[in-house]
């Protein structure tokens, strides 16, 4: 299933006039600082997709949150995501590849490579992923924040980027944290990791 931040195969040709301050810059390379900035827990806030498959799948998602754990040396990100889809909690764990110079992240899903352009607004508590930015028929933009609720200013930044890409607010699909059914599973996983860490530390002490 395509995830809400689903990465789409995209060309890296410039789309936007760099003179417009509201437009995202697609040419900023990913650095270790960038990876550190997106490390941790994030919530899916909203998205707008014109690519039919992504639009269809995103419309099924009620709520989603995930964890990014970057590996600087291997240029990979461990991605653990919890999605509430049509009344069910779905958990996925995968590794994303980091392409620093192209400012993209990608993964292989069912034999297909998916790419997304990482966009870092001025507010470090948010980030976005763009798909097909040069293709008016298939472009998309997804928005994430470190909390399930965002400020009007944060939301406006997303709308500004969306408008600059040539999309409209009417195309946006929003998450609903009240429908999040994955908190019990997250708690279970946290407890399992805690116990595993304790066992590992006990084993090391005995050695």
N, C-alpha and C. Protein backbone atom coordinates (compact mmCIF):
# COMPACT_ATOMS: atom_id res chain seq x y z
N UNK A 1 0.85 -1.20 0.00
CA UNK A 1 0.00 0.00 0.00
C UNK A 1 0.88 1.23 0.00
N UNK A 2 0.54 2.20 -0.80
CA UNK A 2 1.29 3.45 -0.81
C UNK A 2 1.05 4.17 0.50
N UNK A 3 2.13 4.69 1.10
CA UNK A 3 2.03 5.39 2.36
C UNK A 3 1.61 6.84 2.12
N UNK A 4 1.18 7.55 3.18
CA UNK A 4 0.71 8.91 2.96
C UNK A 4 1.79 9.83 2.43
N UNK A 5 3.04 9.52 2.77
CA UNK A 5 4.13 10.34 2.26
C UNK A 5 4.71 9.68 1.02
N UNK A 6 3.93 8.78 0.37
CA UNK A 6 4.41 7.90 -0.70
C UNK A 6 5.33 8.61 -1.66
N UNK A 7 6.47 8.01 -1.92
CA UNK A 7 7.46 8.59 -2.80
C UNK A 7 7.15 8.23 -4.24
N UNK A 8 7.17 9.21 -5.12
CA UNK A 8 6.90 8.98 -6.52
C UNK A 8 8.17 9.20 -7.32
N UNK A 9 8.34 8.41 -8.38
CA UNK A 9 9.49 8.59 -9.26
C UNK A 9 9.40 9.96 -9.90
N UNK A 10 10.46 10.73 -9.77
CA UNK A 10 10.39 12.10 -10.25
C UNK A 10 11.66 12.53 -10.93
N UNK A 11 11.51 13.49 -11.84
CA UNK A 11 12.65 14.14 -12.47
C UNK A 11 13.13 15.23 -11.54
N UNK A 12 14.41 15.53 -11.57
CA UNK A 12 14.95 16.53 -10.68
C UNK A 12 15.16 17.87 -11.38
N UNK A 13 14.50 18.07 -12.52
CA UNK A 13 14.61 19.35 -13.22
C UNK A 13 13.95 20.45 -12.41
N UNK A 14 14.52 21.64 -12.38
CA UNK A 14 13.92 22.75 -11.62
C UNK A 14 12.52 23.05 -12.11
N UNK A 15 11.64 23.32 -11.19
CA UNK A 15 10.26 23.62 -11.56
C UNK A 15 9.91 25.08 -11.34
N UNK A 16 10.44 25.63 -10.25
CA UNK A 16 9.93 26.91 -9.79
C UNK A 16 10.91 28.05 -9.95
N UNK A 17 10.40 29.23 -10.04
CA UNK A 17 11.21 30.43 -10.14
C UNK A 17 11.83 30.71 -8.79
N UNK A 18 13.16 30.68 -8.71
CA UNK A 18 13.84 30.83 -7.43
C UNK A 18 13.64 32.21 -6.83
N UNK A 19 13.14 33.14 -7.60
CA UNK A 19 12.95 34.49 -7.09
C UNK A 19 11.73 34.59 -6.16
N UNK A 20 10.87 33.60 -6.20
CA UNK A 20 9.69 33.63 -5.35
C UNK A 20 10.02 33.07 -3.98
N UNK A 21 9.93 33.87 -2.90
CA UNK A 21 10.33 33.41 -1.56
C UNK A 21 9.44 32.31 -1.02
N UNK A 22 8.22 32.19 -1.54
CA UNK A 22 7.30 31.19 -1.02
C UNK A 22 7.55 29.81 -1.62
N UNK A 23 8.27 29.76 -2.71
CA UNK A 23 8.46 28.49 -3.41
C UNK A 23 9.53 27.63 -2.76
N UNK A 24 9.32 26.33 -2.71
CA UNK A 24 10.33 25.43 -2.15
C UNK A 24 11.55 25.37 -3.05
N UNK A 25 12.70 25.18 -2.44
CA UNK A 25 13.95 25.05 -3.18
C UNK A 25 14.26 23.57 -3.33
N UNK A 26 14.20 23.07 -4.56
CA UNK A 26 14.42 21.65 -4.79
C UNK A 26 15.89 21.29 -4.97
N UNK A 27 16.77 22.25 -4.84
CA UNK A 27 18.19 22.00 -5.14
C UNK A 27 19.09 22.02 -3.92
N UNK A 28 18.51 22.03 -2.72
CA UNK A 28 19.33 22.05 -1.50
C UNK A 28 19.72 20.63 -1.12
N UNK A 29 21.02 20.31 -1.13
CA UNK A 29 21.46 18.94 -0.81
C UNK A 29 21.11 18.55 0.62
N UNK A 30 21.00 17.26 0.86
CA UNK A 30 20.76 16.75 2.20
C UNK A 30 22.10 16.62 2.91
N UNK A 31 22.20 17.16 4.11
CA UNK A 31 23.41 17.11 4.92
C UNK A 31 23.14 16.29 6.18
N UNK A 32 24.19 16.06 6.98
CA UNK A 32 23.98 15.39 8.26
C UNK A 32 23.04 16.20 9.14
N UNK A 33 23.15 17.52 9.05
CA UNK A 33 22.25 18.39 9.83
C UNK A 33 20.81 18.20 9.39
N UNK A 34 20.60 18.03 8.08
CA UNK A 34 19.25 17.78 7.57
C UNK A 34 18.69 16.49 8.15
N UNK A 35 19.53 15.46 8.15
CA UNK A 35 19.09 14.16 8.67
C UNK A 35 18.79 14.24 10.16
N UNK A 36 19.61 14.98 10.88
CA UNK A 36 19.36 15.15 12.31
C UNK A 36 18.04 15.89 12.54
N UNK A 37 17.74 16.83 11.66
CA UNK A 37 16.52 17.62 11.80
C UNK A 37 15.26 16.78 11.63
N UNK A 38 15.31 15.78 10.75
CA UNK A 38 14.13 14.95 10.52
C UNK A 38 14.14 13.67 11.34
N UNK A 39 15.14 13.53 12.21
CA UNK A 39 15.20 12.36 13.08
C UNK A 39 14.11 12.45 14.15
N UNK A 40 13.54 11.30 14.52
CA UNK A 40 12.56 11.29 15.59
C UNK A 40 11.15 10.96 15.13
N UNK A 41 10.19 11.38 15.95
CA UNK A 41 8.78 11.05 15.70
C UNK A 41 8.09 12.18 14.94
N UNK A 42 7.30 11.80 13.92
CA UNK A 42 6.58 12.76 13.09
C UNK A 42 5.14 12.31 12.86
N UNK A 43 4.29 13.30 12.63
CA UNK A 43 2.88 13.03 12.36
C UNK A 43 2.53 13.51 10.95
N UNK A 44 1.80 12.68 10.25
CA UNK A 44 1.27 13.06 8.94
C UNK A 44 0.12 14.04 9.17
N UNK A 45 0.21 15.22 8.55
CA UNK A 45 -0.80 16.26 8.75
C UNK A 45 -1.76 16.35 7.57
N UNK A 46 -1.19 16.42 6.36
CA UNK A 46 -2.03 16.61 5.18
C UNK A 46 -1.23 16.28 3.92
N UNK A 47 -1.95 16.11 2.83
CA UNK A 47 -1.29 15.86 1.54
C UNK A 47 -2.24 16.21 0.40
N UNK A 48 -1.65 16.43 -0.75
CA UNK A 48 -2.43 16.63 -1.98
C UNK A 48 -1.71 15.87 -3.08
N UNK A 49 -2.39 14.95 -3.71
CA UNK A 49 -1.80 14.12 -4.77
C UNK A 49 -2.66 14.16 -6.02
N UNK A 50 -1.99 14.23 -7.15
CA UNK A 50 -2.70 14.10 -8.43
C UNK A 50 -2.41 12.76 -9.08
N UNK A 51 -1.33 12.11 -8.67
CA UNK A 51 -1.04 10.77 -9.17
C UNK A 51 -2.14 9.84 -8.66
N UNK A 52 -2.93 9.24 -9.55
CA UNK A 52 -4.13 8.50 -9.14
C UNK A 52 -3.92 7.47 -8.04
N UNK A 53 -2.86 6.67 -8.13
CA UNK A 53 -2.64 5.63 -7.13
C UNK A 53 -2.42 6.23 -5.74
N UNK A 54 -1.59 7.26 -5.67
CA UNK A 54 -1.30 7.88 -4.38
C UNK A 54 -2.53 8.59 -3.82
N UNK A 55 -3.27 9.23 -4.69
CA UNK A 55 -4.47 9.94 -4.26
C UNK A 55 -5.48 8.95 -3.66
N UNK A 56 -5.63 7.82 -4.31
CA UNK A 56 -6.57 6.80 -3.84
C UNK A 56 -6.16 6.25 -2.49
N UNK A 57 -4.88 5.91 -2.34
CA UNK A 57 -4.41 5.33 -1.09
C UNK A 57 -4.43 6.34 0.05
N UNK A 58 -4.04 7.58 -0.24
CA UNK A 58 -4.02 8.62 0.80
C UNK A 58 -5.43 8.89 1.32
N UNK A 59 -6.42 8.75 0.46
CA UNK A 59 -7.80 9.02 0.87
C UNK A 59 -8.31 8.00 1.89
N UNK A 60 -7.63 6.86 1.99
CA UNK A 60 -8.05 5.82 2.92
C UNK A 60 -7.45 6.00 4.32
N UNK A 61 -6.45 6.86 4.41
CA UNK A 61 -5.70 7.00 5.66
C UNK A 61 -6.34 8.03 6.58
N UNK A 62 -6.69 7.58 7.77
CA UNK A 62 -7.31 8.47 8.74
C UNK A 62 -6.27 9.20 9.58
N UNK A 63 -5.20 8.50 9.93
CA UNK A 63 -4.15 9.09 10.75
C UNK A 63 -2.87 8.29 10.55
N UNK A 64 -1.74 8.95 10.78
CA UNK A 64 -0.46 8.26 10.62
C UNK A 64 0.63 9.00 11.39
N UNK A 65 1.52 8.23 12.00
CA UNK A 65 2.72 8.81 12.60
C UNK A 65 3.86 7.83 12.38
N UNK A 66 5.09 8.33 12.44
CA UNK A 66 6.22 7.47 12.14
C UNK A 66 7.49 7.96 12.82
N UNK A 67 8.50 7.10 12.81
CA UNK A 67 9.81 7.43 13.37
C UNK A 67 10.86 7.33 12.28
N UNK A 68 11.73 8.34 12.21
CA UNK A 68 12.89 8.34 11.33
C UNK A 68 14.13 8.17 12.19
N UNK A 69 14.96 7.16 11.85
CA UNK A 69 16.24 6.95 12.53
C UNK A 69 17.33 6.93 11.47
N UNK A 70 17.98 8.07 11.22
CA UNK A 70 18.99 8.15 10.15
C UNK A 70 20.30 7.46 10.52
N UNK A 71 20.96 6.93 9.50
CA UNK A 71 22.31 6.40 9.62
C UNK A 71 23.19 7.23 8.69
N UNK A 72 24.01 8.10 9.25
CA UNK A 72 24.81 9.02 8.45
C UNK A 72 25.82 8.32 7.54
N UNK A 73 26.45 7.29 8.07
CA UNK A 73 27.53 6.64 7.32
C UNK A 73 27.00 5.81 6.16
N UNK A 74 25.83 5.20 6.33
CA UNK A 74 25.28 4.36 5.27
C UNK A 74 24.27 5.10 4.40
N UNK A 75 23.98 6.35 4.74
CA UNK A 75 22.98 7.14 4.00
C UNK A 75 21.66 6.39 3.88
N UNK A 76 21.19 5.96 5.02
CA UNK A 76 19.90 5.27 5.09
C UNK A 76 19.11 5.80 6.27
N UNK A 77 17.80 5.62 6.21
CA UNK A 77 16.92 6.01 7.31
C UNK A 77 16.00 4.84 7.63
N UNK A 78 16.05 4.38 8.87
CA UNK A 78 15.08 3.37 9.32
C UNK A 78 13.75 4.09 9.52
N UNK A 79 12.74 3.60 8.84
CA UNK A 79 11.42 4.23 8.87
C UNK A 79 10.42 3.26 9.45
N UNK A 80 9.85 3.62 10.60
CA UNK A 80 8.83 2.79 11.26
C UNK A 80 7.54 3.60 11.30
N UNK A 81 6.51 3.11 10.64
CA UNK A 81 5.28 3.88 10.50
C UNK A 81 4.06 3.14 11.02
N UNK A 82 3.18 3.90 11.67
CA UNK A 82 1.91 3.40 12.18
C UNK A 82 0.80 4.17 11.47
N UNK A 83 -0.03 3.44 10.72
CA UNK A 83 -1.11 4.07 9.97
C UNK A 83 -2.46 3.50 10.38
N UNK A 84 -3.42 4.37 10.52
CA UNK A 84 -4.80 3.94 10.72
C UNK A 84 -5.50 4.05 9.38
N UNK A 85 -5.81 2.90 8.81
CA UNK A 85 -6.38 2.84 7.47
C UNK A 85 -7.71 2.11 7.52
N UNK A 86 -8.75 2.82 7.17
CA UNK A 86 -10.09 2.23 7.13
C UNK A 86 -10.41 1.44 8.40
N UNK A 87 -10.12 2.05 9.53
CA UNK A 87 -10.48 1.45 10.81
C UNK A 87 -9.53 0.41 11.33
N UNK A 88 -8.35 0.26 10.73
CA UNK A 88 -7.37 -0.72 11.18
C UNK A 88 -6.00 -0.06 11.34
N UNK A 89 -5.24 -0.56 12.32
CA UNK A 89 -3.87 -0.08 12.51
C UNK A 89 -2.93 -0.96 11.70
N UNK A 90 -2.12 -0.32 10.86
CA UNK A 90 -1.15 -1.03 10.03
C UNK A 90 0.25 -0.52 10.36
N UNK A 91 1.16 -1.46 10.62
CA UNK A 91 2.54 -1.09 10.97
C UNK A 91 3.48 -1.53 9.86
N UNK A 92 4.39 -0.64 9.48
CA UNK A 92 5.39 -0.96 8.47
C UNK A 92 6.76 -0.49 8.94
N UNK A 93 7.78 -1.28 8.63
CA UNK A 93 9.15 -0.89 8.93
C UNK A 93 10.00 -1.15 7.69
N UNK A 94 10.75 -0.14 7.27
CA UNK A 94 11.57 -0.30 6.07
C UNK A 94 12.74 0.67 6.14
N UNK A 95 13.69 0.51 5.22
CA UNK A 95 14.83 1.40 5.14
C UNK A 95 14.70 2.28 3.90
N UNK A 96 14.95 3.56 4.07
CA UNK A 96 14.95 4.51 2.97
C UNK A 96 16.38 4.85 2.62
N UNK A 97 16.66 4.99 1.35
CA UNK A 97 17.98 5.43 0.90
C UNK A 97 18.01 6.94 0.77
N UNK A 98 19.12 7.53 1.16
CA UNK A 98 19.28 8.98 1.10
C UNK A 98 20.20 9.33 -0.07
N UNK A 99 19.70 10.18 -0.95
CA UNK A 99 20.50 10.69 -2.06
C UNK A 99 20.79 12.16 -1.76
N UNK A 100 21.94 12.41 -1.19
CA UNK A 100 22.25 13.72 -0.65
C UNK A 100 22.23 14.83 -1.70
N UNK A 101 22.94 14.64 -2.79
CA UNK A 101 23.07 15.70 -3.78
C UNK A 101 21.74 16.05 -4.44
N UNK A 102 20.89 15.05 -4.63
CA UNK A 102 19.59 15.27 -5.27
C UNK A 102 18.49 15.63 -4.29
N UNK A 103 18.84 15.63 -3.00
CA UNK A 103 17.87 15.95 -1.95
C UNK A 103 16.65 15.05 -2.00
N UNK A 104 16.86 13.76 -2.28
CA UNK A 104 15.73 12.83 -2.36
C UNK A 104 15.92 11.65 -1.42
N UNK A 105 14.80 11.04 -1.07
CA UNK A 105 14.75 9.79 -0.33
C UNK A 105 14.05 8.79 -1.22
N UNK A 106 14.46 7.51 -1.13
CA UNK A 106 13.75 6.53 -1.93
C UNK A 106 13.69 5.19 -1.24
N UNK A 107 12.74 4.38 -1.68
CA UNK A 107 12.60 3.03 -1.17
C UNK A 107 12.10 2.14 -2.30
N UNK A 108 12.27 0.85 -2.09
CA UNK A 108 11.77 -0.13 -3.05
C UNK A 108 10.55 -0.79 -2.43
N UNK A 109 9.43 -0.72 -3.13
CA UNK A 109 8.19 -1.32 -2.64
C UNK A 109 7.62 -2.22 -3.72
N UNK A 110 7.62 -3.52 -3.45
CA UNK A 110 7.10 -4.50 -4.41
C UNK A 110 7.78 -4.38 -5.76
N UNK A 111 9.10 -4.17 -5.72
CA UNK A 111 9.87 -4.13 -6.95
C UNK A 111 9.87 -2.79 -7.66
N UNK A 112 9.19 -1.81 -7.10
CA UNK A 112 9.14 -0.48 -7.72
C UNK A 112 9.89 0.53 -6.86
N UNK A 113 10.73 1.33 -7.50
CA UNK A 113 11.46 2.37 -6.79
C UNK A 113 10.58 3.61 -6.67
N UNK A 114 10.47 4.13 -5.47
CA UNK A 114 9.70 5.34 -5.20
C UNK A 114 10.63 6.41 -4.63
N UNK A 115 10.49 7.61 -5.13
CA UNK A 115 11.34 8.72 -4.71
C UNK A 115 10.50 9.86 -4.17
N UNK A 116 11.08 10.62 -3.26
CA UNK A 116 10.44 11.83 -2.74
C UNK A 116 11.48 12.90 -2.49
N UNK A 117 11.14 14.12 -2.82
CA UNK A 117 12.04 15.25 -2.64
C UNK A 117 11.83 15.85 -1.25
N UNK A 118 12.90 15.89 -0.47
CA UNK A 118 12.82 16.41 0.89
C UNK A 118 12.85 17.94 0.88
N UNK A 119 11.86 18.54 1.52
CA UNK A 119 11.77 20.00 1.61
C UNK A 119 11.73 20.40 3.08
N UNK A 120 12.64 21.28 3.48
CA UNK A 120 12.74 21.72 4.86
C UNK A 120 12.37 23.20 4.96
N UNK A 121 11.15 23.50 5.40
CA UNK A 121 10.75 24.90 5.59
C UNK A 121 11.58 25.55 6.70
N UNK A 122 11.35 26.83 6.92
CA UNK A 122 12.08 27.54 7.97
C UNK A 122 11.78 26.97 9.34
N UNK A 123 10.56 26.50 9.55
CA UNK A 123 10.18 25.93 10.84
C UNK A 123 10.73 24.51 10.95
N UNK A 124 11.71 24.27 11.83
CA UNK A 124 12.31 22.94 11.95
C UNK A 124 11.39 21.88 12.53
N UNK A 125 10.22 22.30 12.97
CA UNK A 125 9.26 21.35 13.53
C UNK A 125 8.33 20.77 12.46
N UNK A 126 8.62 21.07 11.21
CA UNK A 126 7.84 20.54 10.09
C UNK A 126 8.78 20.17 8.95
N UNK A 127 8.29 19.33 8.04
CA UNK A 127 8.97 19.10 6.77
C UNK A 127 7.95 18.60 5.77
N UNK A 128 8.35 18.59 4.51
CA UNK A 128 7.46 18.16 3.44
C UNK A 128 8.19 17.24 2.48
N UNK A 129 7.41 16.48 1.72
CA UNK A 129 7.95 15.62 0.67
C UNK A 129 7.15 15.88 -0.60
N UNK A 130 7.88 16.15 -1.67
CA UNK A 130 7.23 16.43 -2.96
C UNK A 130 7.41 15.26 -3.91
N UNK A 131 6.39 15.01 -4.70
CA UNK A 131 6.47 13.97 -5.72
C UNK A 131 6.06 14.55 -7.07
N UNK A 132 6.74 14.12 -8.10
CA UNK A 132 6.46 14.61 -9.45
C UNK A 132 6.32 16.13 -9.52
N UNK A 133 7.22 16.92 -8.94
CA UNK A 133 7.00 18.37 -8.90
C UNK A 133 6.96 19.02 -10.28
N UNK A 134 7.55 18.35 -11.28
CA UNK A 134 7.58 18.94 -12.62
C UNK A 134 6.41 18.51 -13.49
N UNK A 135 5.58 17.63 -12.96
CA UNK A 135 4.49 17.05 -13.74
C UNK A 135 3.14 17.53 -13.21
N UNK A 136 2.51 18.46 -13.90
CA UNK A 136 1.26 19.04 -13.43
C UNK A 136 0.16 18.00 -13.24
N UNK A 137 0.20 16.92 -14.01
CA UNK A 137 -0.85 15.90 -13.93
C UNK A 137 -0.67 14.95 -12.76
N UNK A 138 0.57 14.81 -12.27
CA UNK A 138 0.84 13.79 -11.25
C UNK A 138 1.53 14.30 -9.99
N UNK A 139 1.76 15.59 -9.90
CA UNK A 139 2.50 16.13 -8.77
C UNK A 139 1.79 15.91 -7.44
N UNK A 140 2.56 16.00 -6.37
CA UNK A 140 1.99 15.83 -5.04
C UNK A 140 2.87 16.45 -3.98
N UNK A 141 2.28 16.74 -2.84
CA UNK A 141 3.02 17.32 -1.72
C UNK A 141 2.40 16.83 -0.42
N UNK A 142 3.24 16.35 0.49
CA UNK A 142 2.76 15.89 1.79
C UNK A 142 3.45 16.67 2.89
N UNK A 143 2.76 16.81 4.02
CA UNK A 143 3.17 17.70 5.09
C UNK A 143 3.20 16.95 6.41
N UNK A 144 4.30 17.15 7.18
CA UNK A 144 4.50 16.43 8.44
C UNK A 144 4.95 17.41 9.53
N UNK A 145 4.60 17.09 10.77
CA UNK A 145 4.98 17.94 11.90
C UNK A 145 5.31 17.06 13.10
N UNK A 146 5.99 17.67 14.08
CA UNK A 146 6.38 16.90 15.26
C UNK A 146 5.25 16.75 16.28
N UNK A 147 4.10 17.34 15.97
CA UNK A 147 2.91 17.17 16.80
C UNK A 147 1.71 16.91 15.89
N UNK A 148 0.68 16.24 16.41
CA UNK A 148 -0.49 15.94 15.55
C UNK A 148 -1.31 17.16 15.18
N UNK A 149 -1.13 18.25 15.91
CA UNK A 149 -1.83 19.50 15.61
C UNK A 149 -0.81 20.56 15.24
N UNK A 150 -1.08 21.33 14.19
CA UNK A 150 -0.13 22.36 13.77
C UNK A 150 -0.71 23.75 13.97
N UNK A 151 0.16 24.74 13.95
CA UNK A 151 -0.28 26.12 14.10
C UNK A 151 -0.77 26.65 12.75
N UNK A 152 -1.55 27.71 12.76
CA UNK A 152 -1.98 28.32 11.50
C UNK A 152 -0.79 28.74 10.62
N UNK A 153 0.29 29.19 11.25
CA UNK A 153 1.47 29.60 10.51
C UNK A 153 2.13 28.41 9.81
N UNK A 154 2.19 27.29 10.51
CA UNK A 154 2.77 26.09 9.90
C UNK A 154 1.91 25.60 8.74
N UNK A 155 0.61 25.64 8.92
CA UNK A 155 -0.29 25.20 7.87
C UNK A 155 -0.19 26.13 6.67
N UNK A 156 -0.02 27.40 6.92
CA UNK A 156 0.08 28.38 5.83
C UNK A 156 1.33 28.14 4.99
N UNK A 157 2.40 27.69 5.62
CA UNK A 157 3.61 27.39 4.87
C UNK A 157 3.36 26.26 3.88
N UNK A 158 2.62 25.26 4.31
CA UNK A 158 2.25 24.16 3.42
C UNK A 158 1.40 24.67 2.27
N UNK A 159 0.43 25.50 2.58
CA UNK A 159 -0.42 26.05 1.53
C UNK A 159 0.38 26.91 0.54
N UNK A 160 1.34 27.65 1.05
CA UNK A 160 2.18 28.48 0.18
C UNK A 160 2.95 27.62 -0.81
N UNK A 161 3.56 26.55 -0.30
CA UNK A 161 4.31 25.64 -1.17
C UNK A 161 3.38 25.00 -2.19
N UNK A 162 2.22 24.61 -1.71
CA UNK A 162 1.24 23.95 -2.57
C UNK A 162 0.83 24.87 -3.72
N UNK A 163 0.53 26.10 -3.37
CA UNK A 163 0.12 27.08 -4.38
C UNK A 163 1.23 27.36 -5.37
N UNK A 164 2.46 27.45 -4.85
CA UNK A 164 3.59 27.72 -5.72
C UNK A 164 3.83 26.59 -6.72
N UNK A 165 3.49 25.37 -6.33
CA UNK A 165 3.63 24.23 -7.24
C UNK A 165 2.52 24.19 -8.28
N UNK A 166 1.47 24.99 -8.04
CA UNK A 166 0.37 25.01 -8.99
C UNK A 166 -0.82 24.18 -8.57
N UNK A 167 -0.88 23.82 -7.28
CA UNK A 167 -2.00 23.05 -6.77
C UNK A 167 -2.92 23.95 -5.94
N UNK A 168 -4.09 23.40 -5.57
CA UNK A 168 -5.10 24.20 -4.88
C UNK A 168 -5.45 23.58 -3.53
N UNK A 169 -5.87 24.43 -2.59
CA UNK A 169 -6.26 23.94 -1.27
C UNK A 169 -7.37 22.90 -1.34
N UNK A 170 -8.21 23.00 -2.34
CA UNK A 170 -9.33 22.06 -2.47
C UNK A 170 -8.87 20.64 -2.72
N UNK A 171 -7.61 20.46 -3.10
CA UNK A 171 -7.07 19.14 -3.38
C UNK A 171 -6.50 18.46 -2.13
N UNK A 172 -6.44 19.19 -1.03
CA UNK A 172 -5.79 18.69 0.18
C UNK A 172 -6.66 17.70 0.94
N UNK A 173 -6.03 16.61 1.39
CA UNK A 173 -6.65 15.62 2.26
C UNK A 173 -5.97 15.72 3.62
N UNK A 174 -6.75 15.69 4.70
CA UNK A 174 -6.21 15.92 6.04
C UNK A 174 -6.31 14.66 6.90
N UNK A 175 -5.37 14.56 7.83
CA UNK A 175 -5.43 13.47 8.80
C UNK A 175 -6.38 13.86 9.93
N UNK A 176 -6.77 12.88 10.73
CA UNK A 176 -7.66 13.12 11.87
C UNK A 176 -7.13 12.32 13.05
N UNK A 177 -6.38 12.97 13.93
CA UNK A 177 -5.73 12.30 15.04
C UNK A 177 -6.74 11.60 15.95
N UNK A 178 -7.98 12.07 15.98
CA UNK A 178 -9.00 11.44 16.81
C UNK A 178 -9.30 10.01 16.35
N UNK A 179 -8.95 9.70 15.10
CA UNK A 179 -9.21 8.37 14.57
C UNK A 179 -7.97 7.46 14.65
N UNK A 180 -6.93 7.93 15.32
CA UNK A 180 -5.70 7.17 15.46
C UNK A 180 -5.94 5.93 16.33
N UNK A 181 -5.76 4.74 15.75
CA UNK A 181 -5.98 3.49 16.48
C UNK A 181 -4.67 2.77 16.79
N UNK A 182 -3.53 3.42 16.55
CA UNK A 182 -2.24 2.73 16.64
C UNK A 182 -1.48 2.97 17.95
N UNK A 183 -2.02 3.76 18.84
CA UNK A 183 -1.30 4.03 20.08
C UNK A 183 -1.05 2.77 20.92
N UNK A 184 -2.02 1.84 21.02
CA UNK A 184 -1.74 0.60 21.78
C UNK A 184 -0.60 -0.21 21.18
N UNK A 185 -0.54 -0.29 19.85
CA UNK A 185 0.54 -1.05 19.21
C UNK A 185 1.88 -0.36 19.41
N UNK A 186 1.89 0.96 19.33
CA UNK A 186 3.13 1.69 19.59
C UNK A 186 3.62 1.42 21.01
N UNK A 187 2.70 1.45 21.97
CA UNK A 187 3.05 1.19 23.37
C UNK A 187 3.61 -0.23 23.52
N UNK A 188 3.00 -1.19 22.83
CA UNK A 188 3.48 -2.58 22.87
C UNK A 188 4.89 -2.68 22.32
N UNK A 189 5.14 -2.03 21.19
CA UNK A 189 6.48 -2.06 20.59
C UNK A 189 7.51 -1.38 21.50
N UNK A 190 7.12 -0.29 22.13
CA UNK A 190 8.03 0.41 23.04
C UNK A 190 8.42 -0.50 24.20
N UNK A 191 7.44 -1.22 24.72
CA UNK A 191 7.69 -2.12 25.84
C UNK A 191 8.60 -3.27 25.41
N UNK A 192 8.38 -3.79 24.21
CA UNK A 192 9.23 -4.88 23.70
C UNK A 192 10.66 -4.41 23.52
N UNK A 193 10.83 -3.20 23.00
CA UNK A 193 12.19 -2.67 22.82
C UNK A 193 12.88 -2.41 24.16
N UNK A 194 12.10 -1.95 25.13
CA UNK A 194 12.65 -1.71 26.46
C UNK A 194 13.15 -3.01 27.08
N UNK A 195 12.35 -4.07 26.97
CA UNK A 195 12.74 -5.36 27.53
C UNK A 195 13.96 -5.94 26.81
N UNK A 196 13.99 -5.75 25.48
CA UNK A 196 15.13 -6.23 24.70
C UNK A 196 16.40 -5.50 25.09
N UNK A 197 16.29 -4.20 25.34
CA UNK A 197 17.45 -3.42 25.76
C UNK A 197 17.94 -3.87 27.12
N UNK A 198 17.00 -4.16 28.04
CA UNK A 198 17.37 -4.62 29.36
C UNK A 198 18.08 -5.97 29.29
N UNK A 199 17.57 -6.87 28.44
CA UNK A 199 18.21 -8.17 28.30
C UNK A 199 19.61 -8.02 27.73
N UNK A 200 19.75 -7.13 26.76
CA UNK A 200 21.06 -6.90 26.15
C UNK A 200 22.04 -6.33 27.14
N UNK A 201 21.60 -5.38 27.96
CA UNK A 201 22.48 -4.78 28.95
C UNK A 201 22.85 -5.77 30.03
N UNK A 202 21.89 -6.64 30.40
CA UNK A 202 22.17 -7.68 31.40
C UNK A 202 23.20 -8.66 30.88
N UNK A 203 23.04 -9.05 29.61
CA UNK A 203 24.00 -9.98 29.00
C UNK A 203 25.37 -9.39 28.92
N UNK A 204 25.49 -8.11 28.61
CA UNK A 204 26.78 -7.45 28.52
C UNK A 204 27.44 -7.38 29.87
N UNK A 205 26.64 -7.11 30.93
CA UNK A 205 27.18 -7.03 32.28
C UNK A 205 27.73 -8.38 32.73
N UNK A 206 27.03 -9.45 32.36
CA UNK A 206 27.47 -10.80 32.75
C UNK A 206 28.76 -11.18 32.05
N UNK A 207 28.95 -10.70 30.83
CA UNK A 207 30.18 -11.00 30.11
C UNK A 207 31.37 -10.34 30.77
